[in-house]
Protein backbone atom coordinates (compact mmCIF):
# COMPACT_ATOMS: atom_id res chain seq x y z
CA MET A 1 -0.84 -22.82 -2.42
CA PHE A 2 -2.42 -19.51 -3.48
CA LYS A 3 -0.86 -16.84 -5.67
CA ILE A 4 -1.49 -13.17 -4.95
CA VAL A 5 -0.94 -10.07 -7.05
CA THR A 6 -1.00 -6.44 -5.89
CA LEU A 7 -1.41 -3.97 -8.74
CA TYR A 8 -2.12 -0.37 -9.66
CA LYS A 9 -1.88 2.13 -12.47
CA PHE A 10 -2.88 5.75 -12.81
CA VAL A 11 -4.47 6.01 -16.23
CA PRO A 12 -7.56 7.85 -17.53
CA LEU A 13 -10.49 5.41 -17.65
CA GLN A 14 -13.96 5.74 -19.15
CA ASP A 15 -17.08 3.55 -19.19
CA LEU A 16 -16.35 2.32 -15.68
CA ALA A 17 -19.54 0.25 -15.37
CA ILE A 18 -18.60 -1.71 -18.50
CA LEU A 19 -15.03 -2.15 -17.26
CA GLN A 20 -16.36 -3.33 -13.90
CA GLN A 21 -18.37 -6.09 -15.60
CA THR A 22 -15.36 -7.06 -17.75
CA LEU A 23 -13.16 -7.41 -14.67
CA LYS A 24 -15.83 -9.40 -12.84
CA SER A 25 -15.90 -11.85 -15.74
CA ILE A 26 -12.10 -12.11 -15.87
CA CYS A 27 -11.75 -12.53 -12.09
CA LYS A 28 -14.81 -14.70 -11.41
CA GLU A 29 -12.70 -17.55 -9.97
CA LEU A 30 -10.54 -15.23 -7.84
CA THR A 31 -10.96 -13.42 -4.53
CA GLY A 32 -9.76 -10.00 -3.42
CA THR A 33 -10.54 -6.37 -4.18
CA LEU A 34 -10.13 -4.23 -7.28
CA LEU A 35 -11.00 -0.53 -7.23
CA ILE A 36 -11.50 1.38 -10.47
CA ALA A 37 -11.97 5.12 -10.90
CA SER A 38 -11.63 7.66 -13.69
CA GLU A 39 -7.97 7.99 -12.57
CA GLY A 40 -7.04 4.28 -12.80
CA ILE A 41 -7.07 0.88 -11.08
CA ASN A 42 -5.79 -0.40 -7.73
CA GLY A 43 -6.12 -3.62 -5.77
CA THR A 44 -5.03 -7.07 -4.70
CA ILE A 45 -6.47 -10.34 -6.01
CA ALA A 46 -5.64 -13.99 -5.34
CA GLY A 47 -6.35 -17.51 -6.52
CA LEU A 48 -4.82 -20.76 -7.63
CA PRO A 49 -1.62 -19.97 -9.60
CA ALA A 50 -2.83 -21.05 -13.04
CA VAL A 51 -6.16 -19.26 -12.60
CA LEU A 52 -4.52 -16.04 -11.43
CA ASP A 53 -1.95 -16.14 -14.25
CA HIS A 54 -4.72 -16.54 -16.83
CA ALA A 55 -6.66 -13.62 -15.32
CA MET A 56 -3.57 -11.40 -15.29
CA THR A 57 -2.90 -12.17 -18.95
CA GLN A 58 -6.42 -10.96 -19.76
CA ILE A 59 -6.10 -7.86 -17.58
CA LEU A 60 -2.79 -6.92 -19.18
CA ASP A 61 -4.39 -7.34 -22.62
CA ILE A 62 -6.73 -4.45 -21.83
CA PRO A 63 -4.99 -1.53 -23.63
CA ALA A 64 -5.21 0.85 -20.65
CA PHE A 65 -3.44 -1.68 -18.40
CA ASN A 66 -0.54 -2.76 -20.61
CA GLU A 67 2.01 -1.06 -18.31
CA LEU A 68 0.38 -2.00 -15.04
CA TRP A 69 2.61 -2.16 -11.95
CA TYR A 70 2.22 -5.48 -10.15
CA GLN A 71 3.95 -7.60 -7.52
CA TYR A 72 3.34 -11.32 -6.94
CA ALA A 73 3.39 -13.17 -3.62
CA LYS A 74 2.32 -16.58 -2.32
CA ALA A 75 0.24 -17.79 0.62
CA ASN A 76 -0.61 -21.18 2.08
CA CYS A 77 -4.09 -20.03 3.07
CA LYS A 78 -6.76 -18.19 1.09
CA PRO A 79 -6.04 -14.48 1.81
CA PHE A 80 -9.51 -13.14 0.90
CA ARG A 81 -13.01 -14.44 1.50
CA ARG A 82 -14.68 -13.09 -1.65
CA LEU A 83 -14.26 -10.93 -4.74
CA LYS A 84 -15.12 -7.21 -4.73
CA ILE A 85 -14.78 -4.98 -7.79
CA ARG A 86 -15.93 -1.47 -7.04
CA VAL A 87 -16.25 1.82 -8.87
CA LYS A 88 -14.91 4.71 -6.76
CA ASN A 89 -14.35 8.45 -7.09
CA GLU A 90 -10.66 7.92 -6.21
CA MET A 91 -8.50 4.79 -6.00
CA VAL A 92 -7.14 6.07 -2.70
CA THR A 93 -9.18 8.83 -1.13
CA MET A 94 -7.44 12.14 -0.56
CA ALA A 95 -10.22 14.48 -1.71
CA LYS A 96 -7.76 17.08 -3.02
CA ALA A 97 -8.36 18.08 -6.64
CA GLU A 98 -4.79 19.35 -7.06
CA ALA A 99 -3.34 15.88 -6.31
CA GLN A 100 -3.03 14.67 -9.92
CA PRO A 101 -0.43 11.88 -10.30
CA LEU A 102 -0.92 11.87 -14.08
CA GLN A 103 0.39 15.45 -14.14
CA LEU A 104 2.78 15.62 -11.17
CA ALA A 105 5.04 12.84 -9.90
CA GLY A 106 8.04 12.41 -7.67
CA HIS A 107 11.22 10.58 -8.62
CA HIS A 108 10.62 6.81 -8.57
CA VAL A 109 13.44 4.94 -6.80
CA LEU A 110 14.11 1.22 -7.23
CA ALA A 111 14.58 -0.90 -4.11
CA LYS A 112 18.27 -1.44 -4.94
CA ASN A 113 18.87 2.33 -4.80
CA TRP A 114 16.65 3.10 -1.82
CA HIS A 115 19.39 3.08 0.82
CA THR A 116 21.24 5.86 -0.99
CA ILE A 117 18.08 7.99 -0.90
CA LEU A 118 17.54 7.21 2.79
CA ASP A 119 21.04 8.55 3.50
CA GLN A 120 20.61 11.70 1.41
CA ALA A 121 17.06 12.76 2.31
CA ALA A 122 16.44 15.59 4.76
CA VAL A 123 13.38 13.69 6.00
CA VAL A 124 11.93 10.22 5.37
CA ILE A 125 8.13 9.94 5.56
CA ASP A 126 6.06 6.82 6.10
CA VAL A 127 2.87 7.79 4.25
CA ARG A 128 0.79 5.00 5.83
CA ASN A 129 -1.63 5.19 8.77
CA HIS A 130 -0.60 4.83 12.42
CA TYR A 131 -1.71 1.21 12.86
CA GLU A 132 0.39 0.18 9.84
CA CYS A 133 3.48 2.04 11.02
CA ARG A 134 3.34 0.27 14.40
CA VAL A 135 3.90 -3.11 12.73
CA GLY A 136 7.09 -2.01 10.99
CA SER A 137 8.83 0.85 9.21
CA PHE A 138 12.20 2.16 8.10
CA GLU A 139 14.36 3.36 10.98
CA ASN A 140 14.00 7.07 11.79
CA ALA A 141 11.05 7.54 9.41
CA LEU A 142 8.59 10.27 10.29
CA HIS A 143 5.09 8.89 10.97
CA PRO A 144 2.16 11.25 10.25
CA ASN A 145 0.00 9.46 12.88
CA THR A 146 -3.02 9.45 10.57
CA THR A 147 -6.04 7.18 10.85
CA TYR A 148 -7.12 7.81 7.25
CA PHE A 149 -5.03 8.75 4.22
CA SER A 150 -7.30 11.76 3.64
CA GLU A 151 -5.66 13.31 6.75
CA PHE A 152 -2.22 13.33 5.10
CA PRO A 153 -2.55 16.81 3.47
CA THR A 154 -3.19 18.34 6.90
CA PHE A 155 -0.04 16.66 8.20
CA VAL A 156 1.92 18.12 5.25
CA ASP A 157 0.54 21.62 5.75
CA ASN A 158 1.22 21.59 9.49
CA ASN A 159 4.60 19.86 9.61
CA LEU A 160 6.56 19.87 6.36
CA VAL A 161 6.64 23.47 5.09
CA ALA A 162 10.28 23.82 6.23
CA TYR A 163 11.27 20.99 3.84
CA LYS A 164 9.87 22.53 0.64
CA ASP A 165 13.31 23.04 -0.92
CA LYS A 166 14.96 19.93 0.58
CA PRO A 167 15.10 16.29 -0.58
CA ILE A 168 12.22 14.25 0.81
CA ALA A 169 11.93 10.45 0.69
CA MET A 170 8.58 8.72 1.12
CA PHE A 171 7.22 5.21 1.03
CA CYS A 172 4.00 3.22 1.50
CA THR A 173 2.86 -0.38 1.08
CA GLY A 174 2.75 -0.71 -2.70
CA GLY A 175 3.49 2.80 -3.93
CA ILE A 176 0.04 4.13 -4.80
CA ARG A 177 -0.41 6.40 -1.77
CA CYS A 178 2.98 7.95 -2.48
CA GLU A 179 1.78 8.81 -5.98
CA LYS A 180 -1.07 10.87 -4.53
CA ALA A 181 1.05 12.26 -1.69
CA SER A 182 3.87 13.44 -3.96
CA ALA A 183 1.41 14.97 -6.44
CA TYR A 184 -0.22 16.96 -3.63
CA MET A 185 3.12 18.14 -2.27
CA LEU A 186 4.51 19.11 -5.68
CA ALA A 187 1.32 21.08 -6.35
CA HIS A 188 2.04 22.98 -3.12
CA GLY A 189 5.59 23.97 -3.93
CA PHE A 190 7.74 21.08 -2.73
CA GLN A 191 10.73 20.67 -5.03
CA GLU A 192 12.49 17.33 -4.57
CA ILE A 193 10.49 14.22 -3.71
CA TYR A 194 11.71 10.63 -4.01
CA GLN A 195 9.29 7.71 -3.65
CA LEU A 196 10.03 4.01 -3.29
CA LYS A 197 8.85 2.38 -6.53
CA GLY A 198 6.56 -0.53 -5.74
CA GLY A 199 6.64 0.44 -2.09
CA ILE A 200 7.56 -1.76 0.85
CA LEU A 201 6.37 -4.86 -1.01
CA GLN A 202 8.95 -4.32 -3.74
CA TYR A 203 11.64 -3.66 -1.13
CA LEU A 204 10.89 -6.80 0.89
CA ALA A 205 10.78 -8.86 -2.30
CA ASN A 206 14.15 -7.64 -3.61
CA VAL A 207 16.41 -6.65 -0.70
CA ARG A 208 18.17 -9.38 1.24
CA GLU A 209 17.33 -9.64 4.91
CA ASP A 210 20.98 -9.33 5.93
CA GLU A 211 21.17 -6.00 4.07
CA THR A 212 17.81 -4.58 5.12
CA ARG A 213 17.04 -1.31 6.83
CA TRP A 214 13.46 -2.34 7.40
CA LYS A 215 12.45 -2.92 11.01
CA GLY A 216 9.51 -5.22 11.81
CA GLU A 217 6.92 -6.44 9.33
CA CYS A 218 4.60 -4.87 6.74
CA PHE A 219 0.87 -4.73 7.47
CA VAL A 220 -1.38 -5.80 4.57
CA PHE A 221 -5.14 -5.50 4.21
CA ASP A 222 -5.97 -9.20 3.92
CA ASP A 223 -5.95 -12.35 6.03
CA ARG A 224 -2.15 -12.62 5.92
CA ILE A 225 -2.15 -9.52 8.19
CA SER A 226 1.60 -8.88 7.86
CA LEU A 227 4.55 -9.83 5.63
CA SER A 228 8.26 -10.25 6.27
CA HIS A 229 11.22 -10.40 3.89
CA GLY A 230 10.61 -12.46 0.78
CA LEU A 231 6.91 -11.52 1.19
CA LYS A 232 6.45 -14.43 3.58
CA LYS A 233 3.53 -14.35 5.99
CA GLY A 234 4.49 -12.50 9.14
CA SER A 235 3.77 -13.11 12.81
CA CYS A 236 1.12 -10.45 13.49
CA LEU A 237 -2.36 -11.28 14.72
CA LEU A 238 -5.51 -9.22 14.21
CA CYS A 239 -7.89 -8.27 16.99
CA TYR A 240 -11.34 -9.13 15.67
CA GLY A 241 -12.87 -6.71 18.15
CA CYS A 242 -11.14 -3.45 17.17
CA ARG A 243 -9.38 -4.72 13.98
CA MET A 244 -5.96 -3.57 15.13
CA PRO A 245 -2.87 -5.53 14.02
CA LEU A 246 -1.10 -6.96 17.05
CA THR A 247 2.64 -7.61 17.36
CA ASP A 248 4.25 -9.75 20.05
CA THR A 249 4.64 -6.69 22.28
CA ASP A 250 0.87 -6.09 22.16
CA LEU A 251 0.02 -9.51 23.58
CA ASP A 252 -0.06 -10.78 27.13
CA ASP A 253 -1.20 -13.93 28.91
CA HIS A 254 -4.76 -12.62 29.15
CA TYR A 255 -5.21 -11.73 25.48
CA GLN A 256 -8.45 -13.04 23.95
CA PRO A 257 -9.14 -12.19 20.26
CA GLY A 258 -12.11 -9.87 19.92
CA ILE A 259 -12.58 -9.69 23.67
CA ARG A 260 -9.51 -8.07 25.11
CA CYS A 261 -6.50 -6.29 23.64
CA ARG A 262 -4.79 -3.13 24.80
CA TYR A 263 -6.42 -1.12 21.99
CA CYS A 264 -9.91 -2.41 22.79
CA LEU A 265 -9.37 -1.37 26.41
CA LYS A 266 -8.08 2.05 25.36
CA ASP A 267 -11.39 2.77 23.61
CA LYS A 268 -13.45 1.97 26.68
């Protein structure tokens, strides 16, 4: 059994090369990806439970990370092949200088209160990319149809101006993309933004399946591919040709991984 933790925090960081080496030492027996930038840390790492717990204790002892957001999960199989700790310009790339989550932030909503926000919002936005939204989403959520998160500001500018003075709800996998998205929108005059704290992962971990408003599964960027309620491994496959997540409706009797799927054929 492997233990997994997804984490992030927006916090000013300095001496990134030194921090990178410190994290490599702490996480040397783990696998996964950690990204560090001058704006904070983001990533998912995994390992044997005792090893991961020890590493997390050391990470949380770093003063900048003492209020880190994190969510644990479990997996029967190793979810990552190796460890990557990288220094980046941004934890999630938007390339918009005005998107400053340390200065501007939406209202963070706990999973237990999320249904109330869904009912009250003028629009609900799934901040993730199109291939993630296909696997699952909240009913009636607006999908930006992006391939990269850096395309999200264009979607906002072209489609959401009419909602500037109305309540907007947004969500993503773990919450970090909503931090950037809400900061960008607030900088451009939007007034009332609510974001799901801890994202879909927090929702699936805390909301009972018989009370859910989530439809489908949640795509994740590791070998689990997708998660269902309770953060259990989902049913999706991954095409090793085009790297698209595949649900049951994407498969047919002739499907061969990496050789033929409907998305591979679409690109030909």
